Amino acid sequence: MKKLFLAAFAVFAFANVNAQEGFSVKAGFNSVTASAGSVSATESGFYLGLGYQLELSEDIDVEPAVLYSAVSDLNSLYIPIMFKYGISDEFSIMAGPQVNYLLEDVPQGEFGLDIAAGLAYNISEEFYAEAKYGLQVSRDLGDLDLNSLMIGVGYRF
């Protein structure tokens, strides 16, 4: 009985996930603001990467992604896990944690944790646009904060 339950659960879970999964590529504008106390500087660049969207329910999706960002002399990887809530067929709000890793040679503080939030708009079944802001929560760089604004487009396949 236990094996039957586990087998039924596995088949249901696989069928459910398989029917709702999908990869996407995304790229866009990235603006990073570095601030320490009352002093701040903003640099602009681009990002590109790959995401994987999974429908959790009719209105809620989750999308982990890996994004490469090049802003001035600061190259980094972002690994967001965005939860999306569909407020209509076209629009959704999104929020979630975002790990970022500096690809530069820094003595400490390579890893950071952000809380990101934003909006997404489905242009068609395949194309979408999104904008999100990442607010740094933790990084071992003294009083230096790195916050990011990402605005871009994506293609689902």
Protein backbone atom coordinates (compact mmCIF):
# COMPACT_ATOMS: atom_id res chain seq x y z
CA MET A 1 0.00 0.00 0.00
CA LYS A 2 2.83 2.35 0.90
CA LYS A 3 4.58 1.65 -2.45
CA LEU A 4 1.33 2.22 -4.35
CA PHE A 5 0.84 5.58 -2.60
CA LEU A 6 4.44 6.65 -3.39
CA ALA A 7 4.14 5.54 -7.02
CA ALA A 8 0.82 7.39 -7.46
CA PHE A 9 2.30 10.51 -5.84
CA ALA A 10 5.37 10.39 -8.11
CA VAL A 11 3.27 9.97 -11.27
CA PHE A 12 0.93 12.81 -10.25
CA ALA A 13 3.79 15.13 -9.32
CA PHE A 14 5.73 14.40 -12.52
CA ALA A 15 2.67 14.84 -14.73
CA ASN A 16 1.79 18.09 -12.97
CA VAL A 17 5.31 19.50 -13.23
CA ASN A 18 5.88 18.33 -16.79
CA ALA A 19 2.72 20.01 -18.04
CA GLN A 20 3.60 23.40 -16.51
CA GLU A 21 7.33 23.86 -16.81
CA GLY A 22 9.23 26.05 -19.23
CA PHE A 23 12.60 27.65 -19.86
CA SER A 24 13.16 31.26 -20.85
CA VAL A 25 16.05 33.45 -21.91
CA LYS A 26 16.12 37.04 -20.75
CA ALA A 27 18.23 40.14 -21.24
CA GLY A 28 18.05 43.81 -20.45
CA PHE A 29 19.29 46.94 -18.72
CA ASN A 30 20.85 46.75 -15.25
CA SER A 31 21.59 49.71 -13.00
CA VAL A 32 23.58 49.16 -9.80
CA THR A 33 23.74 51.76 -7.04
CA ALA A 34 26.60 51.52 -4.56
CA SER A 35 26.02 53.52 -1.40
CA ALA A 36 27.94 54.03 1.82
CA GLY A 37 26.22 56.32 4.27
CA SER A 38 25.18 59.49 2.46
CA VAL A 39 27.44 58.91 -0.57
CA SER A 40 26.21 56.91 -3.56
CA ALA A 41 27.14 56.22 -7.18
CA THR A 42 25.14 54.54 -9.94
CA GLU A 43 26.54 52.62 -12.90
CA SER A 44 24.60 51.08 -15.80
CA GLY A 45 25.13 48.00 -17.91
CA PHE A 46 23.32 44.88 -19.10
CA TYR A 47 22.27 41.45 -17.93
CA LEU A 48 21.43 38.19 -19.68
CA GLY A 49 20.53 34.74 -18.48
CA LEU A 50 18.30 31.71 -18.31
CA GLY A 51 15.20 31.07 -16.19
CA TYR A 52 12.85 28.18 -15.53
CA GLN A 53 9.21 28.92 -14.72
CA LEU A 54 7.03 26.48 -12.83
CA GLU A 55 3.31 26.99 -12.19
CA LEU A 56 2.47 26.30 -8.54
CA SER A 57 -1.22 27.12 -8.86
CA GLU A 58 -3.56 28.91 -11.25
CA ASP A 59 -2.31 32.34 -10.09
CA ILE A 60 1.14 31.63 -8.61
CA ASP A 61 4.36 30.75 -10.44
CA VAL A 62 7.95 30.43 -9.25
CA GLU A 63 10.93 31.21 -11.46
CA PRO A 64 14.51 30.54 -10.43
CA ALA A 65 17.07 32.04 -12.81
CA VAL A 66 20.79 32.54 -13.34
CA LEU A 67 21.71 35.97 -14.71
CA TYR A 68 25.10 37.35 -15.71
CA SER A 69 25.46 41.11 -15.18
CA ALA A 70 28.12 43.45 -16.57
CA VAL A 71 27.97 46.95 -15.10
CA SER A 72 31.02 49.12 -15.71
CA ASP A 73 33.91 47.15 -14.13
CA LEU A 74 31.61 45.12 -11.86
CA ASN A 75 30.72 41.67 -13.23
CA SER A 76 28.41 39.50 -11.16
CA LEU A 77 25.98 36.60 -11.14
CA TYR A 78 22.43 36.99 -9.85
CA ILE A 79 20.42 33.95 -8.78
CA PRO A 80 16.86 35.13 -8.09
CA ILE A 81 13.96 32.91 -7.03
CA MET A 82 10.97 35.01 -7.94
CA PHE A 83 7.43 34.14 -6.88
CA LYS A 84 4.92 35.61 -9.33
CA TYR A 85 1.27 36.32 -8.61
CA GLY A 86 -0.92 36.86 -11.69
CA ILE A 87 -3.22 39.84 -11.18
CA SER A 88 -4.54 39.41 -14.76
CA ASP A 89 -3.69 37.35 -17.84
CA GLU A 90 -1.05 39.92 -18.82
CA PHE A 91 0.24 41.41 -15.55
CA SER A 92 1.87 39.82 -12.52
CA ILE A 93 3.67 41.08 -9.45
CA MET A 94 6.79 39.27 -8.32
CA ALA A 95 8.96 39.09 -5.23
CA GLY A 96 11.57 36.83 -3.73
CA PRO A 97 15.14 36.38 -2.55
CA GLN A 98 18.06 37.01 -4.86
CA VAL A 99 21.60 35.80 -4.22
CA ASN A 100 24.34 37.69 -6.00
CA TYR A 101 27.98 36.81 -6.42
CA LEU A 102 30.67 39.31 -7.40
CA LEU A 103 32.95 37.88 -10.09
CA GLU A 104 35.64 40.44 -9.26
CA ASP A 105 38.69 39.80 -7.08
CA VAL A 106 37.49 41.20 -3.75
CA PRO A 107 38.96 40.15 -0.39
CA GLN A 108 35.53 39.59 1.18
CA GLY A 109 31.86 40.13 0.48
CA GLU A 110 31.61 38.18 -2.77
CA PHE A 111 28.18 36.79 -1.79
CA GLY A 112 25.20 39.03 -1.11
CA LEU A 113 21.51 38.50 -0.42
CA ASP A 114 18.81 40.80 -1.77
CA ILE A 115 15.06 40.98 -1.51
CA ALA A 116 13.73 41.73 -4.99
CA ALA A 117 10.28 42.88 -6.12
CA GLY A 118 8.80 43.99 -9.41
CA LEU A 119 6.25 43.67 -12.20
CA ALA A 120 5.99 41.47 -15.29
CA TYR A 121 3.91 41.91 -18.44
CA ASN A 122 3.12 39.11 -20.91
CA ILE A 123 3.39 40.58 -24.40
CA SER A 124 2.41 37.24 -25.98
CA GLU A 125 2.59 33.54 -25.09
CA GLU A 126 6.36 33.59 -25.70
CA PHE A 127 7.52 37.17 -25.09
CA TYR A 128 7.37 39.12 -21.82
CA ALA A 129 8.82 42.23 -20.19
CA GLU A 130 9.76 42.65 -16.57
CA ALA A 131 11.21 45.19 -14.16
CA LYS A 132 12.46 44.51 -10.64
CA TYR A 133 14.41 46.22 -7.91
CA GLY A 134 16.79 44.31 -5.63
CA LEU A 135 17.45 45.75 -2.18
CA GLN A 136 20.56 44.39 -0.44
CA VAL A 137 19.84 42.65 2.85
CA SER A 138 23.23 41.13 3.64
CA ARG A 139 26.82 41.39 2.38
CA ASP A 140 30.15 41.51 4.20
CA LEU A 141 31.42 44.79 2.70
CA GLY A 142 31.25 47.02 5.75
CA ASP A 143 28.65 49.75 5.28
CA LEU A 144 28.64 49.48 1.46
CA ASP A 145 25.25 48.56 -0.04
CA LEU A 146 24.75 47.36 -3.62
CA ASN A 147 21.16 47.69 -4.91
CA SER A 148 20.05 46.87 -8.45
CA LEU A 149 17.33 47.81 -10.91
CA MET A 150 16.76 45.38 -13.81
CA ILE A 151 14.47 46.12 -16.77
CA GLY A 152 14.35 43.62 -19.60
CA VAL A 153 12.57 41.26 -21.94
CA GLY A 154 12.39 37.50 -22.14
CA TYR A 155 11.44 34.69 -24.47
CA ARG A 156 9.80 31.45 -23.25
CA PHE A 157 10.46 28.17 -25.04
